[in-house]
């Protein structure tokens, strides 16, 4: 399992927000997923502007891609241990 933060800042969807980006995000979401791509948790808030279904779906896609990369890194680290 792995987790990422994602948000909309200045109209752009960003993965793994740093503090500065997170503090000015219009939308802030967190995704936690299993290695097989199933959702464990999805949490999101429109901090200063609402978001569309299309934006939410795109954030989920980007989050899934980021989580897949984290899972690959976890496997590499586990293999080295």
N, C-alpha and C. Protein backbone atom coordinates (compact mmCIF):
# COMPACT_ATOMS: atom_id res chain seq x y z
N UNK A 1 0.85 -1.16 0.00
CA UNK A 1 0.00 0.00 0.00
C UNK A 1 0.89 1.22 0.00
N UNK A 2 0.36 2.30 -0.57
CA UNK A 2 1.08 3.58 -0.62
C UNK A 2 0.06 4.70 -0.66
N UNK A 3 0.55 5.90 -0.36
CA UNK A 3 -0.32 7.07 -0.32
C UNK A 3 0.36 8.28 -0.95
N UNK A 4 -0.46 9.14 -1.54
CA UNK A 4 0.04 10.39 -2.10
C UNK A 4 -0.94 11.52 -1.80
N UNK A 5 -0.40 12.72 -1.83
CA UNK A 5 -1.25 13.90 -1.79
C UNK A 5 -1.30 14.45 -3.21
N UNK A 6 -2.39 15.09 -3.51
CA UNK A 6 -2.57 15.67 -4.85
C UNK A 6 -3.48 16.88 -4.69
N UNK A 7 -3.31 17.85 -5.54
CA UNK A 7 -4.16 19.02 -5.41
C UNK A 7 -4.17 19.86 -6.67
N UNK A 8 -5.00 20.87 -6.62
CA UNK A 8 -5.07 21.83 -7.72
C UNK A 8 -4.53 23.15 -7.18
N UNK A 9 -3.47 23.63 -7.82
CA UNK A 9 -2.83 24.89 -7.45
C UNK A 9 -2.70 25.73 -8.70
N UNK A 10 -3.24 26.92 -8.66
CA UNK A 10 -3.20 27.83 -9.82
C UNK A 10 -3.72 27.14 -11.08
N UNK A 11 -4.76 26.34 -10.92
CA UNK A 11 -5.40 25.67 -12.06
C UNK A 11 -4.71 24.42 -12.55
N UNK A 12 -3.59 24.04 -11.92
CA UNK A 12 -2.83 22.86 -12.35
C UNK A 12 -2.96 21.76 -11.30
N UNK A 13 -3.07 20.52 -11.77
CA UNK A 13 -3.09 19.38 -10.87
C UNK A 13 -1.65 18.99 -10.56
N UNK A 14 -1.33 18.96 -9.27
CA UNK A 14 0.03 18.64 -8.83
C UNK A 14 0.01 17.43 -7.92
N UNK A 15 1.03 16.60 -8.08
CA UNK A 15 1.19 15.40 -7.27
C UNK A 15 2.22 15.67 -6.19
N UNK A 16 1.98 15.16 -4.99
CA UNK A 16 2.91 15.25 -3.86
C UNK A 16 3.23 16.71 -3.53
N UNK A 17 2.21 17.41 -3.09
CA UNK A 17 2.34 18.83 -2.79
C UNK A 17 3.33 19.10 -1.67
N UNK A 18 4.18 20.09 -1.87
CA UNK A 18 5.04 20.56 -0.78
C UNK A 18 4.20 21.52 0.08
N UNK A 19 4.75 21.96 1.19
CA UNK A 19 4.00 22.82 2.11
C UNK A 19 3.49 24.08 1.42
N UNK A 20 4.35 24.73 0.66
CA UNK A 20 3.98 25.98 -0.01
C UNK A 20 2.81 25.76 -0.97
N UNK A 21 2.86 24.68 -1.75
CA UNK A 21 1.78 24.37 -2.68
C UNK A 21 0.50 24.01 -1.93
N UNK A 22 0.65 23.18 -0.90
CA UNK A 22 -0.50 22.74 -0.12
C UNK A 22 -1.22 23.92 0.54
N UNK A 23 -0.45 24.88 1.01
CA UNK A 23 -1.04 26.01 1.73
C UNK A 23 -1.84 26.94 0.82
N UNK A 24 -1.60 26.87 -0.49
CA UNK A 24 -2.36 27.73 -1.39
C UNK A 24 -3.21 26.93 -2.40
N UNK A 25 -3.39 25.65 -2.12
CA UNK A 25 -4.16 24.79 -3.03
C UNK A 25 -5.64 25.14 -3.03
N UNK A 26 -6.23 25.14 -4.21
CA UNK A 26 -7.69 25.29 -4.33
C UNK A 26 -8.38 24.00 -3.90
N UNK A 27 -7.74 22.88 -4.20
CA UNK A 27 -8.26 21.55 -3.85
C UNK A 27 -7.11 20.75 -3.26
N UNK A 28 -7.39 20.04 -2.20
CA UNK A 28 -6.39 19.21 -1.53
C UNK A 28 -6.98 17.82 -1.34
N UNK A 29 -6.30 16.80 -1.89
CA UNK A 29 -6.80 15.42 -1.78
C UNK A 29 -5.68 14.48 -1.36
N UNK A 30 -6.08 13.39 -0.74
CA UNK A 30 -5.17 12.31 -0.38
C UNK A 30 -5.75 11.00 -0.89
N UNK A 31 -4.88 10.17 -1.44
CA UNK A 31 -5.28 8.85 -1.93
C UNK A 31 -4.38 7.81 -1.30
N UNK A 32 -4.98 6.74 -0.81
CA UNK A 32 -4.25 5.58 -0.31
C UNK A 32 -4.78 4.38 -1.10
N UNK A 33 -3.85 3.60 -1.68
CA UNK A 33 -4.25 2.49 -2.52
C UNK A 33 -3.41 1.25 -2.23
N UNK A 34 -3.98 0.11 -2.56
CA UNK A 34 -3.27 -1.17 -2.44
C UNK A 34 -2.37 -1.36 -3.66
N UNK A 35 -1.53 -2.38 -3.58
CA UNK A 35 -0.68 -2.71 -4.71
C UNK A 35 -1.45 -3.15 -5.94
N UNK A 36 -2.67 -3.63 -5.75
CA UNK A 36 -3.49 -4.05 -6.88
C UNK A 36 -4.36 -2.91 -7.43
N UNK A 37 -4.18 -1.70 -6.91
CA UNK A 37 -4.89 -0.55 -7.45
C UNK A 37 -6.26 -0.29 -6.85
N UNK A 38 -6.56 -0.93 -5.72
CA UNK A 38 -7.84 -0.68 -5.06
C UNK A 38 -7.68 0.45 -4.04
N UNK A 39 -8.75 1.22 -3.88
CA UNK A 39 -8.72 2.34 -2.95
C UNK A 39 -8.89 1.88 -1.51
N UNK A 40 -8.08 2.42 -0.64
CA UNK A 40 -8.23 2.24 0.80
C UNK A 40 -8.86 3.49 1.39
N UNK A 41 -8.38 4.64 0.93
CA UNK A 41 -8.92 5.91 1.41
C UNK A 41 -8.82 6.96 0.32
N UNK A 42 -9.85 7.76 0.23
CA UNK A 42 -9.85 8.94 -0.62
C UNK A 42 -10.42 10.06 0.23
N UNK A 43 -9.65 11.13 0.37
CA UNK A 43 -10.09 12.25 1.18
C UNK A 43 -9.80 13.52 0.39
N UNK A 44 -10.80 14.36 0.24
CA UNK A 44 -10.58 15.57 -0.52
C UNK A 44 -11.43 16.73 -0.04
N UNK A 45 -10.87 17.91 -0.22
CA UNK A 45 -11.56 19.12 0.20
C UNK A 45 -11.32 20.22 -0.82
N UNK A 46 -12.39 20.92 -1.16
CA UNK A 46 -12.25 22.14 -1.96
C UNK A 46 -11.91 23.24 -0.97
N UNK A 47 -10.63 23.56 -0.88
CA UNK A 47 -10.17 24.55 0.10
C UNK A 47 -10.68 25.95 -0.22
N UNK A 48 -10.58 26.33 -1.51
CA UNK A 48 -11.01 27.69 -1.87
C UNK A 48 -11.83 27.75 -3.14
N UNK A 49 -11.92 26.64 -3.87
CA UNK A 49 -12.71 26.61 -5.10
C UNK A 49 -13.21 25.20 -5.34
N UNK A 50 -14.46 25.04 -5.75
CA UNK A 50 -14.96 23.69 -6.03
C UNK A 50 -14.29 23.10 -7.26
N UNK A 51 -14.40 21.77 -7.40
CA UNK A 51 -13.78 21.10 -8.53
C UNK A 51 -14.81 20.22 -9.22
N UNK A 52 -14.51 19.91 -10.48
CA UNK A 52 -15.44 19.15 -11.29
C UNK A 52 -15.19 17.64 -11.16
N UNK A 53 -16.14 16.87 -11.62
CA UNK A 53 -15.98 15.41 -11.65
C UNK A 53 -14.80 15.04 -12.54
N UNK A 54 -14.66 15.73 -13.66
CA UNK A 54 -13.54 15.47 -14.57
C UNK A 54 -12.20 15.72 -13.88
N UNK A 55 -12.10 16.81 -13.11
CA UNK A 55 -10.87 17.09 -12.38
C UNK A 55 -10.61 16.01 -11.33
N UNK A 56 -11.65 15.57 -10.64
CA UNK A 56 -11.50 14.54 -9.62
C UNK A 56 -11.02 13.24 -10.26
N UNK A 57 -11.59 12.88 -11.39
CA UNK A 57 -11.17 11.67 -12.08
C UNK A 57 -9.72 11.78 -12.53
N UNK A 58 -9.33 12.94 -13.00
CA UNK A 58 -7.94 13.14 -13.43
C UNK A 58 -6.99 13.08 -12.23
N UNK A 59 -7.40 13.65 -11.10
CA UNK A 59 -6.58 13.56 -9.90
C UNK A 59 -6.41 12.11 -9.46
N UNK A 60 -7.47 11.32 -9.56
CA UNK A 60 -7.40 9.90 -9.21
C UNK A 60 -6.43 9.17 -10.14
N UNK A 61 -6.45 9.49 -11.43
CA UNK A 61 -5.53 8.87 -12.40
C UNK A 61 -4.08 9.21 -12.07
N UNK A 62 -3.84 10.48 -11.81
CA UNK A 62 -2.47 10.92 -11.50
C UNK A 62 -2.01 10.32 -10.18
N UNK A 63 -2.89 10.29 -9.20
CA UNK A 63 -2.56 9.67 -7.91
C UNK A 63 -2.21 8.19 -8.10
N UNK A 64 -2.99 7.49 -8.91
CA UNK A 64 -2.72 6.07 -9.16
C UNK A 64 -1.36 5.89 -9.80
N UNK A 65 -1.01 6.74 -10.75
CA UNK A 65 0.32 6.65 -11.38
C UNK A 65 1.43 6.89 -10.36
N UNK A 66 1.25 7.89 -9.50
CA UNK A 66 2.24 8.17 -8.46
C UNK A 66 2.37 7.02 -7.48
N UNK A 67 1.27 6.44 -7.11
CA UNK A 67 1.29 5.30 -6.17
C UNK A 67 1.97 4.11 -6.81
N UNK A 68 1.75 3.87 -8.09
CA UNK A 68 2.44 2.77 -8.77
C UNK A 68 3.96 2.95 -8.70
N UNK A 69 4.43 4.19 -8.86
CA UNK A 69 5.86 4.46 -8.77
C UNK A 69 6.38 4.21 -7.35
N UNK A 70 5.61 4.61 -6.35
CA UNK A 70 6.01 4.35 -4.96
C UNK A 70 6.07 2.86 -4.68
N UNK A 71 5.11 2.12 -5.19
CA UNK A 71 5.10 0.67 -4.98
C UNK A 71 6.30 0.00 -5.63
N UNK A 72 6.70 0.48 -6.81
CA UNK A 72 7.90 -0.05 -7.47
C UNK A 72 9.13 0.21 -6.59
N UNK A 73 9.23 1.42 -6.05
CA UNK A 73 10.36 1.76 -5.18
C UNK A 73 10.35 0.90 -3.92
N UNK A 74 9.19 0.65 -3.37
CA UNK A 74 9.08 -0.21 -2.18
C UNK A 74 9.61 -1.62 -2.49
N UNK A 75 9.28 -2.14 -3.67
CA UNK A 75 9.74 -3.48 -4.05
C UNK A 75 11.26 -3.52 -4.21
N UNK A 76 11.84 -2.46 -4.78
CA UNK A 76 13.28 -2.39 -4.93
C UNK A 76 13.94 -2.37 -3.55
N UNK A 77 13.43 -1.56 -2.66
CA UNK A 77 14.00 -1.47 -1.31
C UNK A 77 13.85 -2.80 -0.58
N UNK A 78 12.70 -3.43 -0.72
CA UNK A 78 12.49 -4.72 -0.07
C UNK A 78 13.46 -5.77 -0.61
N UNK A 79 13.75 -5.72 -1.90
CA UNK A 79 14.67 -6.69 -2.51
C UNK A 79 16.10 -6.48 -2.01
N UNK A 80 16.44 -5.25 -1.66
CA UNK A 80 17.78 -4.94 -1.18
C UNK A 80 17.96 -5.28 0.29
N UNK A 81 16.86 -5.47 0.98
CA UNK A 81 16.94 -5.73 2.43
C UNK A 81 17.32 -7.15 2.72
